[in-house]
């Protein structure tokens, strides 16, 4: 239980590639992550998929500590 609580505060516990995959249309292994930053309640990062850059952020879903991501094309 302590490990789960600790992961909330550590960037390394967030799998940005997995969270980005459905949003950007690439497999996690084909995504490059840059500019990952941790905020008080969310994370932000840039996911690169087939040369396209996406700005992504995580947000709590309120479902037992669940987290989801939203990515939009970087202009």
N, C-alpha and C. Protein backbone atom coordinates (compact mmCIF):
# COMPACT_ATOMS: atom_id res chain seq x y z
N UNK A 1 0.83 -1.19 0.00
CA UNK A 1 0.00 0.00 0.00
C UNK A 1 0.88 1.26 0.00
N UNK A 2 1.97 1.23 0.74
CA UNK A 2 2.87 2.39 0.77
C UNK A 2 3.48 2.63 -0.60
N UNK A 3 3.79 1.55 -1.32
CA UNK A 3 4.38 1.70 -2.65
C UNK A 3 3.40 2.41 -3.59
N UNK A 4 2.13 2.05 -3.54
CA UNK A 4 1.14 2.70 -4.40
C UNK A 4 1.07 4.19 -4.06
N UNK A 5 1.05 4.53 -2.79
CA UNK A 5 1.02 5.93 -2.39
C UNK A 5 2.25 6.66 -2.85
N UNK A 6 3.40 6.01 -2.78
CA UNK A 6 4.65 6.64 -3.20
C UNK A 6 4.64 6.90 -4.70
N UNK A 7 4.03 6.02 -5.48
CA UNK A 7 4.00 6.17 -6.93
C UNK A 7 3.23 7.40 -7.36
N UNK A 8 2.30 7.85 -6.57
CA UNK A 8 1.56 9.05 -6.90
C UNK A 8 2.49 10.24 -7.00
N UNK A 9 3.57 10.22 -6.24
CA UNK A 9 4.49 11.35 -6.20
C UNK A 9 5.74 11.14 -7.05
N UNK A 10 5.89 10.02 -7.71
CA UNK A 10 7.09 9.75 -8.49
C UNK A 10 6.77 9.65 -9.97
N UNK A 11 7.47 10.41 -10.78
CA UNK A 11 7.26 10.39 -12.22
C UNK A 11 7.54 9.00 -12.79
N UNK A 12 8.51 8.28 -12.23
CA UNK A 12 8.92 6.99 -12.77
C UNK A 12 7.81 5.95 -12.69
N UNK A 13 6.79 6.16 -11.88
CA UNK A 13 5.70 5.20 -11.77
C UNK A 13 4.66 5.39 -12.87
N UNK A 14 4.73 6.46 -13.60
CA UNK A 14 3.76 6.73 -14.65
C UNK A 14 4.32 6.19 -15.96
N UNK A 15 3.53 5.37 -16.65
CA UNK A 15 3.97 4.84 -17.93
C UNK A 15 3.38 5.73 -19.03
N UNK A 16 4.13 6.77 -19.39
CA UNK A 16 3.67 7.74 -20.38
C UNK A 16 3.39 7.09 -21.73
N UNK A 17 4.22 6.15 -22.13
CA UNK A 17 4.02 5.49 -23.43
C UNK A 17 2.70 4.75 -23.46
N UNK A 18 2.40 4.00 -22.41
CA UNK A 18 1.14 3.27 -22.33
C UNK A 18 -0.05 4.23 -22.33
N UNK A 19 0.06 5.29 -21.56
CA UNK A 19 -1.04 6.25 -21.46
C UNK A 19 -1.26 6.98 -22.78
N UNK A 20 -0.21 7.20 -23.55
CA UNK A 20 -0.30 7.95 -24.80
C UNK A 20 -0.79 7.11 -25.97
N UNK A 21 -0.56 5.82 -25.93
CA UNK A 21 -0.78 4.96 -27.09
C UNK A 21 -2.17 5.10 -27.72
N UNK A 22 -3.21 4.98 -26.94
CA UNK A 22 -4.56 5.07 -27.48
C UNK A 22 -4.88 6.46 -28.02
N UNK A 23 -4.26 7.46 -27.43
CA UNK A 23 -4.51 8.84 -27.83
C UNK A 23 -3.83 9.22 -29.14
N UNK A 24 -2.63 8.67 -29.38
CA UNK A 24 -1.85 9.10 -30.55
C UNK A 24 -1.85 8.09 -31.68
N UNK A 25 -2.34 6.88 -31.42
CA UNK A 25 -2.46 5.89 -32.49
C UNK A 25 -1.19 5.13 -32.81
N UNK A 26 -0.28 5.02 -31.86
CA UNK A 26 0.94 4.22 -32.03
C UNK A 26 1.03 3.20 -30.90
N UNK A 27 1.79 2.16 -31.14
CA UNK A 27 2.09 1.22 -30.06
C UNK A 27 3.04 1.88 -29.07
N UNK A 28 2.96 1.52 -27.81
CA UNK A 28 3.86 2.12 -26.81
C UNK A 28 5.33 2.03 -27.21
N UNK A 29 5.74 0.92 -27.81
CA UNK A 29 7.16 0.75 -28.17
C UNK A 29 7.61 1.73 -29.26
N UNK A 30 6.65 2.31 -29.99
CA UNK A 30 6.98 3.22 -31.08
C UNK A 30 6.86 4.70 -30.69
N UNK A 31 6.60 4.96 -29.41
CA UNK A 31 6.43 6.33 -28.93
C UNK A 31 7.67 6.79 -28.20
N UNK A 32 8.07 8.02 -28.46
CA UNK A 32 9.18 8.65 -27.74
C UNK A 32 8.57 9.71 -26.84
N UNK A 33 9.02 9.76 -25.58
CA UNK A 33 8.50 10.72 -24.61
C UNK A 33 9.56 11.78 -24.34
N UNK A 34 9.14 13.05 -24.36
CA UNK A 34 10.02 14.17 -24.04
C UNK A 34 9.29 15.13 -23.10
N UNK A 35 10.04 15.97 -22.44
CA UNK A 35 9.53 17.07 -21.63
C UNK A 35 8.51 16.64 -20.56
N UNK A 36 8.74 15.49 -19.94
CA UNK A 36 7.83 15.02 -18.89
C UNK A 36 7.97 15.89 -17.64
N UNK A 37 6.83 16.36 -17.14
CA UNK A 37 6.80 17.21 -15.94
C UNK A 37 5.69 16.74 -15.03
N UNK A 38 5.94 16.82 -13.74
CA UNK A 38 4.97 16.40 -12.76
C UNK A 38 4.36 17.60 -12.07
N UNK A 39 3.03 17.68 -12.07
CA UNK A 39 2.32 18.74 -11.36
C UNK A 39 1.72 18.21 -10.08
N UNK A 40 0.99 19.04 -9.39
CA UNK A 40 0.39 18.64 -8.11
C UNK A 40 -0.65 17.53 -8.30
N UNK A 41 -1.46 17.62 -9.35
CA UNK A 41 -2.50 16.61 -9.56
C UNK A 41 -2.43 15.96 -10.93
N UNK A 42 -1.50 16.38 -11.76
CA UNK A 42 -1.39 15.75 -13.08
C UNK A 42 0.05 15.79 -13.58
N UNK A 43 0.28 15.09 -14.66
CA UNK A 43 1.57 15.07 -15.34
C UNK A 43 1.36 15.61 -16.75
N UNK A 44 2.40 16.20 -17.32
CA UNK A 44 2.36 16.62 -18.72
C UNK A 44 3.60 16.09 -19.41
N UNK A 45 3.50 15.85 -20.71
CA UNK A 45 4.62 15.34 -21.48
C UNK A 45 4.33 15.53 -22.96
N UNK A 46 5.36 15.36 -23.77
CA UNK A 46 5.22 15.37 -25.22
C UNK A 46 5.46 13.95 -25.70
N UNK A 47 4.49 13.42 -26.44
CA UNK A 47 4.62 12.08 -27.02
C UNK A 47 4.88 12.26 -28.52
N UNK A 48 5.90 11.58 -29.02
CA UNK A 48 6.23 11.66 -30.44
C UNK A 48 5.91 10.31 -31.08
N UNK A 49 5.04 10.36 -32.09
CA UNK A 49 4.56 9.16 -32.76
C UNK A 49 4.69 9.38 -34.26
N UNK A 50 5.52 8.60 -34.92
CA UNK A 50 5.73 8.69 -36.36
C UNK A 50 6.04 10.13 -36.80
N UNK A 51 6.88 10.80 -36.02
CA UNK A 51 7.31 12.15 -36.34
C UNK A 51 6.34 13.25 -35.92
N UNK A 52 5.14 12.89 -35.49
CA UNK A 52 4.16 13.86 -35.03
C UNK A 52 4.31 14.07 -33.53
N UNK A 53 4.22 15.31 -33.08
CA UNK A 53 4.34 15.64 -31.66
C UNK A 53 2.96 15.91 -31.07
N UNK A 54 2.72 15.35 -29.90
CA UNK A 54 1.45 15.52 -29.20
C UNK A 54 1.72 16.01 -27.79
N UNK A 55 0.97 16.99 -27.34
CA UNK A 55 1.05 17.45 -25.96
C UNK A 55 0.04 16.63 -25.17
N UNK A 56 0.52 15.97 -24.14
CA UNK A 56 -0.33 15.07 -23.37
C UNK A 56 -0.36 15.50 -21.90
N UNK A 57 -1.45 15.16 -21.26
CA UNK A 57 -1.55 15.39 -19.82
C UNK A 57 -2.40 14.28 -19.21
N UNK A 58 -2.11 13.99 -17.96
CA UNK A 58 -2.89 13.00 -17.24
C UNK A 58 -3.85 13.72 -16.31
N UNK A 59 -4.89 13.03 -15.93
CA UNK A 59 -5.85 13.58 -14.98
C UNK A 59 -6.48 12.43 -14.21
N UNK A 60 -6.82 12.68 -12.96
CA UNK A 60 -7.44 11.62 -12.16
C UNK A 60 -8.86 11.36 -12.65
N UNK A 61 -9.24 10.09 -12.69
CA UNK A 61 -10.59 9.75 -13.14
C UNK A 61 -11.56 9.65 -11.97
N UNK A 62 -11.04 9.65 -10.75
CA UNK A 62 -11.89 9.52 -9.59
C UNK A 62 -12.35 8.09 -9.37
N UNK A 63 -11.83 7.17 -10.15
CA UNK A 63 -12.21 5.77 -10.06
C UNK A 63 -11.14 4.98 -9.32
N UNK A 64 -11.17 5.02 -8.01
CA UNK A 64 -10.23 4.28 -7.17
C UNK A 64 -8.78 4.60 -7.51
N UNK A 65 -8.48 5.87 -7.65
CA UNK A 65 -7.12 6.28 -7.95
C UNK A 65 -6.73 6.14 -9.41
N UNK A 66 -7.71 5.94 -10.28
CA UNK A 66 -7.42 5.79 -11.69
C UNK A 66 -6.92 7.08 -12.33
N UNK A 67 -6.19 6.92 -13.40
CA UNK A 67 -5.63 8.05 -14.12
C UNK A 67 -5.84 7.80 -15.61
N UNK A 68 -6.20 8.85 -16.33
CA UNK A 68 -6.36 8.78 -17.78
C UNK A 68 -5.52 9.88 -18.42
N UNK A 69 -5.37 9.80 -19.73
CA UNK A 69 -4.57 10.81 -20.44
C UNK A 69 -5.35 11.38 -21.60
N UNK A 70 -5.00 12.60 -21.95
CA UNK A 70 -5.54 13.27 -23.12
C UNK A 70 -4.36 13.86 -23.89
N UNK A 71 -4.30 13.61 -25.19
CA UNK A 71 -3.21 14.15 -26.02
C UNK A 71 -3.81 14.91 -27.20
N UNK A 72 -3.19 16.03 -27.52
CA UNK A 72 -3.62 16.82 -28.68
C UNK A 72 -2.40 17.13 -29.54
N UNK A 73 -2.58 17.21 -30.84
CA UNK A 73 -1.45 17.51 -31.72
C UNK A 73 -0.81 18.85 -31.36
N UNK A 74 0.52 18.87 -31.35
CA UNK A 74 1.27 20.10 -31.06
C UNK A 74 1.34 20.92 -32.34
N UNK A 75 1.02 22.19 -32.22
CA UNK A 75 1.01 23.06 -33.40
C UNK A 75 2.27 23.86 -33.49
